[in-house]
Amino acid sequence: MANQTSPVTLEKHQVSSHGLIPNTSLHGIPFIHYKSAFASAASPDDVEQTLYANGWNPTWRYTMYKSSHFHSTTHEALVVISGSAEILLGGDENPHAVTVTVKTGDAMFMPVGVAHRLVKDVGGRGWGGGEGFTMVGAYPVGGEAWDMCYGKEGENEVEEKVREVAGVEVQDPILGGKLGGG
């Protein structure tokens, strides 16, 4: 269950397209940073239960890739279960890119088409006792499998796929209720 001991603060960002990376320009659905979405003592299983309850399927526990990438076939929910990190949104050369700092208990809604990458692992105790930044990653139940795009020539029909996914209403992965789209 999302954090009920302190209020969740939402920070929203729109990120302009850059090169072959659509970001939020095709659909206007913002990246959402849910600050203190979960108590720092919440277990990964508790986080996954909240995601399931809100119509999202948790599929992995890991860090974030260090190369900018995006998904053209699905939105993504990310919940930090240990450590903290700086995350770049929008692509490496994008003059309108945004950097956010996330910590244990924070969550992110990554809209379809938004490039993201790990800039810096600030550290902390990793899931399972190891060191480092770790997240739970989840995708809308019933949606397409995630793909990996890098904003390079030859990535077929990316804009069409992003528009299609953005047009489907989804549940808010953290707070529940309708998030948008459609």
Protein backbone atom coordinates (compact mmCIF):
# COMPACT_ATOMS: atom_id res chain seq x y z
CA MET A 1 0.00 0.00 0.00
CA ALA A 2 1.24 3.47 -0.81
CA ASN A 3 2.66 5.50 2.06
CA GLN A 4 -0.06 6.54 4.50
CA THR A 5 2.21 7.99 7.20
CA SER A 6 3.27 11.03 5.19
CA PRO A 7 1.78 12.74 2.14
CA VAL A 8 2.93 11.73 -1.31
CA THR A 9 4.22 14.71 -3.28
CA LEU A 10 3.83 14.62 -7.05
CA GLU A 11 6.31 16.29 -9.37
CA LYS A 12 5.35 16.24 -13.06
CA HIS A 13 7.55 16.90 -16.07
CA GLN A 14 6.89 17.35 -19.77
CA VAL A 15 9.96 16.64 -21.91
CA SER A 16 10.23 17.85 -25.50
CA SER A 17 11.06 15.46 -28.30
CA HIS A 18 14.66 15.34 -29.42
CA GLY A 19 15.94 13.71 -32.57
CA LEU A 20 14.14 10.37 -32.90
CA ILE A 21 13.08 10.28 -29.23
CA PRO A 22 9.40 11.27 -28.90
CA ASN A 23 9.36 11.91 -25.12
CA THR A 24 6.05 13.53 -24.11
CA SER A 25 5.63 15.65 -27.27
CA LEU A 26 3.42 13.11 -29.07
CA HIS A 27 0.90 12.71 -26.26
CA GLY A 28 1.39 15.25 -23.45
CA ILE A 29 1.20 12.61 -20.69
CA PRO A 30 3.71 13.78 -18.06
CA PHE A 31 6.46 11.86 -16.34
CA ILE A 32 5.38 11.69 -12.66
CA HIS A 33 7.78 11.49 -9.72
CA TYR A 34 5.90 10.30 -6.61
CA LYS A 35 8.10 11.48 -3.74
CA SER A 36 7.74 9.31 -0.61
CA ALA A 37 5.18 7.05 -2.26
CA PHE A 38 6.15 4.24 0.12
CA ALA A 39 7.65 4.19 3.59
CA SER A 40 11.38 3.48 3.31
CA ALA A 41 10.79 0.31 5.35
CA ALA A 42 8.26 -1.07 2.82
CA SER A 43 9.29 -4.48 1.52
CA PRO A 44 9.55 -5.21 -2.22
CA ASP A 45 6.59 -7.59 -1.75
CA ASP A 46 4.49 -4.72 -0.30
CA VAL A 47 5.41 -2.53 -3.26
CA GLU A 48 4.47 -5.28 -5.71
CA GLN A 49 1.12 -5.86 -3.98
CA THR A 50 0.25 -2.16 -4.40
CA LEU A 51 1.17 -2.28 -8.07
CA TYR A 52 -0.94 -5.43 -8.61
CA ALA A 53 -3.88 -3.84 -6.79
CA ASN A 54 -3.67 -0.83 -9.13
CA GLY A 55 -3.65 -2.87 -12.36
CA TRP A 56 0.10 -3.12 -12.93
CA ASN A 57 2.20 -6.26 -13.32
CA PRO A 58 5.58 -6.11 -11.52
CA THR A 59 8.07 -8.07 -13.61
CA TRP A 60 11.56 -7.30 -12.33
CA ARG A 61 13.78 -6.04 -9.50
CA TYR A 62 16.94 -4.40 -10.77
CA THR A 63 18.68 -1.08 -11.33
CA MET A 64 18.23 1.21 -14.36
CA TYR A 65 20.28 0.90 -17.54
CA LYS A 66 23.06 3.47 -17.98
CA SER A 67 22.20 4.13 -21.62
CA SER A 68 19.25 6.28 -22.66
CA HIS A 69 16.37 4.14 -23.85
CA PHE A 70 12.59 4.27 -24.08
CA HIS A 71 9.67 1.95 -24.64
CA SER A 72 7.32 2.43 -27.60
CA THR A 73 4.87 -0.32 -26.65
CA THR A 74 4.03 0.42 -23.00
CA HIS A 75 4.14 2.80 -20.07
CA GLU A 76 6.39 1.81 -17.15
CA ALA A 77 6.10 2.17 -13.37
CA LEU A 78 9.29 2.19 -11.32
CA VAL A 79 9.50 2.06 -7.51
CA VAL A 80 12.81 2.56 -5.70
CA ILE A 81 13.23 -0.20 -3.13
CA SER A 82 16.79 0.69 -2.09
CA GLY A 83 19.38 3.38 -2.56
CA SER A 84 19.07 6.61 -4.46
CA ALA A 85 20.04 7.81 -7.90
CA GLU A 86 20.03 10.59 -10.44
CA ILE A 87 17.90 9.78 -13.49
CA LEU A 88 18.06 11.63 -16.83
CA LEU A 89 14.80 12.06 -18.78
CA GLY A 90 14.67 13.00 -22.43
CA GLY A 91 17.91 11.76 -23.97
CA ASP A 92 21.58 12.60 -23.60
CA GLU A 93 21.86 15.45 -26.10
CA ASN A 94 18.43 16.95 -25.42
CA PRO A 95 18.74 20.60 -24.32
CA HIS A 96 15.36 20.20 -22.59
CA ALA A 97 16.29 17.02 -20.70
CA VAL A 98 15.39 16.84 -17.02
CA THR A 99 17.37 15.23 -14.22
CA VAL A 100 15.50 13.94 -11.16
CA THR A 101 16.91 12.50 -7.95
CA VAL A 102 14.99 9.54 -6.53
CA LYS A 103 15.40 7.68 -3.24
CA THR A 104 14.07 4.62 -1.45
CA GLY A 105 10.27 4.85 -1.30
CA ASP A 106 9.92 7.10 -4.36
CA ALA A 107 8.08 5.95 -7.47
CA MET A 108 8.00 7.05 -11.10
CA PHE A 109 5.45 6.82 -13.88
CA MET A 110 7.41 6.70 -17.13
CA PRO A 111 5.09 7.44 -20.05
CA VAL A 112 5.52 5.59 -23.30
CA GLY A 113 8.19 7.24 -25.47
CA VAL A 114 10.15 9.00 -22.71
CA ALA A 115 13.88 8.30 -22.79
CA HIS A 116 15.45 7.56 -19.42
CA ARG A 117 18.76 6.40 -18.02
CA LEU A 118 20.74 6.12 -14.81
CA VAL A 119 23.14 9.04 -14.46
CA LYS A 120 24.53 8.22 -11.04
CA ASP A 121 23.90 5.54 -8.44
CA VAL A 122 24.16 7.49 -5.21
CA GLY A 123 24.27 4.22 -3.28
CA GLY A 124 22.58 2.63 -0.32
CA ARG A 125 21.70 -0.89 0.75
CA GLY A 126 20.49 -2.90 -2.22
CA TRP A 127 17.63 -5.36 -2.20
CA GLY A 128 18.80 -8.66 -0.80
CA GLY A 129 21.55 -7.03 1.27
CA GLY A 130 23.78 -5.89 -1.58
CA GLU A 131 24.84 -2.32 -2.25
CA GLY A 132 23.19 -0.05 -4.73
CA PHE A 133 20.16 1.44 -6.36
CA THR A 134 17.36 -1.08 -6.97
CA MET A 135 13.81 -0.71 -8.29
CA VAL A 136 10.69 -2.75 -8.94
CA GLY A 137 9.60 -2.36 -12.57
CA ALA A 138 5.98 -2.86 -13.63
CA TYR A 139 3.77 -2.56 -16.71
CA PRO A 140 -0.01 -2.24 -17.18
CA VAL A 141 -1.82 -5.58 -16.94
CA GLY A 142 -2.99 -6.66 -20.38
CA GLY A 143 -0.65 -4.29 -22.20
CA GLU A 144 2.00 -5.06 -24.77
CA ALA A 145 5.38 -6.45 -23.73
CA TRP A 146 8.03 -3.78 -23.32
CA ASP A 147 10.55 -3.13 -26.04
CA MET A 148 13.87 -1.26 -26.09
CA CYS A 149 14.31 1.78 -28.30
CA TYR A 150 17.29 4.13 -28.42
CA GLY A 151 16.20 6.89 -30.78
CA LYS A 152 18.17 5.47 -33.70
CA GLU A 153 17.37 5.07 -37.38
CA GLY A 154 15.64 1.79 -38.16
CA GLU A 155 13.40 1.65 -35.09
CA ASN A 156 10.21 1.02 -37.02
CA GLU A 157 6.89 2.76 -36.48
CA VAL A 158 7.93 4.21 -33.09
CA GLU A 159 5.71 7.29 -33.30
CA GLU A 160 2.70 5.23 -34.37
CA LYS A 161 3.21 2.76 -31.50
CA VAL A 162 3.68 5.56 -28.94
CA ARG A 163 0.48 7.32 -30.06
CA GLU A 164 -1.46 4.06 -29.89
CA VAL A 165 -0.34 3.26 -26.31
CA ALA A 166 -0.86 6.86 -25.18
CA GLY A 167 -4.47 6.69 -26.32
CA VAL A 168 -5.33 3.89 -23.88
CA GLU A 169 -6.43 4.89 -20.39
CA VAL A 170 -4.48 3.23 -17.56
CA GLN A 171 -4.70 3.07 -13.78
CA ASP A 172 -2.37 5.20 -11.70
CA PRO A 173 0.22 2.63 -10.53
CA ILE A 174 0.68 4.20 -7.10
CA LEU A 175 -2.51 6.07 -6.15
CA GLY A 176 -5.05 4.01 -8.09
CA GLY A 177 -7.83 5.54 -10.16
CA LYS A 178 -7.57 6.64 -13.75
CA LEU A 179 -4.26 8.16 -14.84
CA GLY A 180 -5.13 9.48 -18.28
CA GLY A 181 -4.87 8.76 -21.94
CA GLY A 182 -7.71 8.10 -24.30
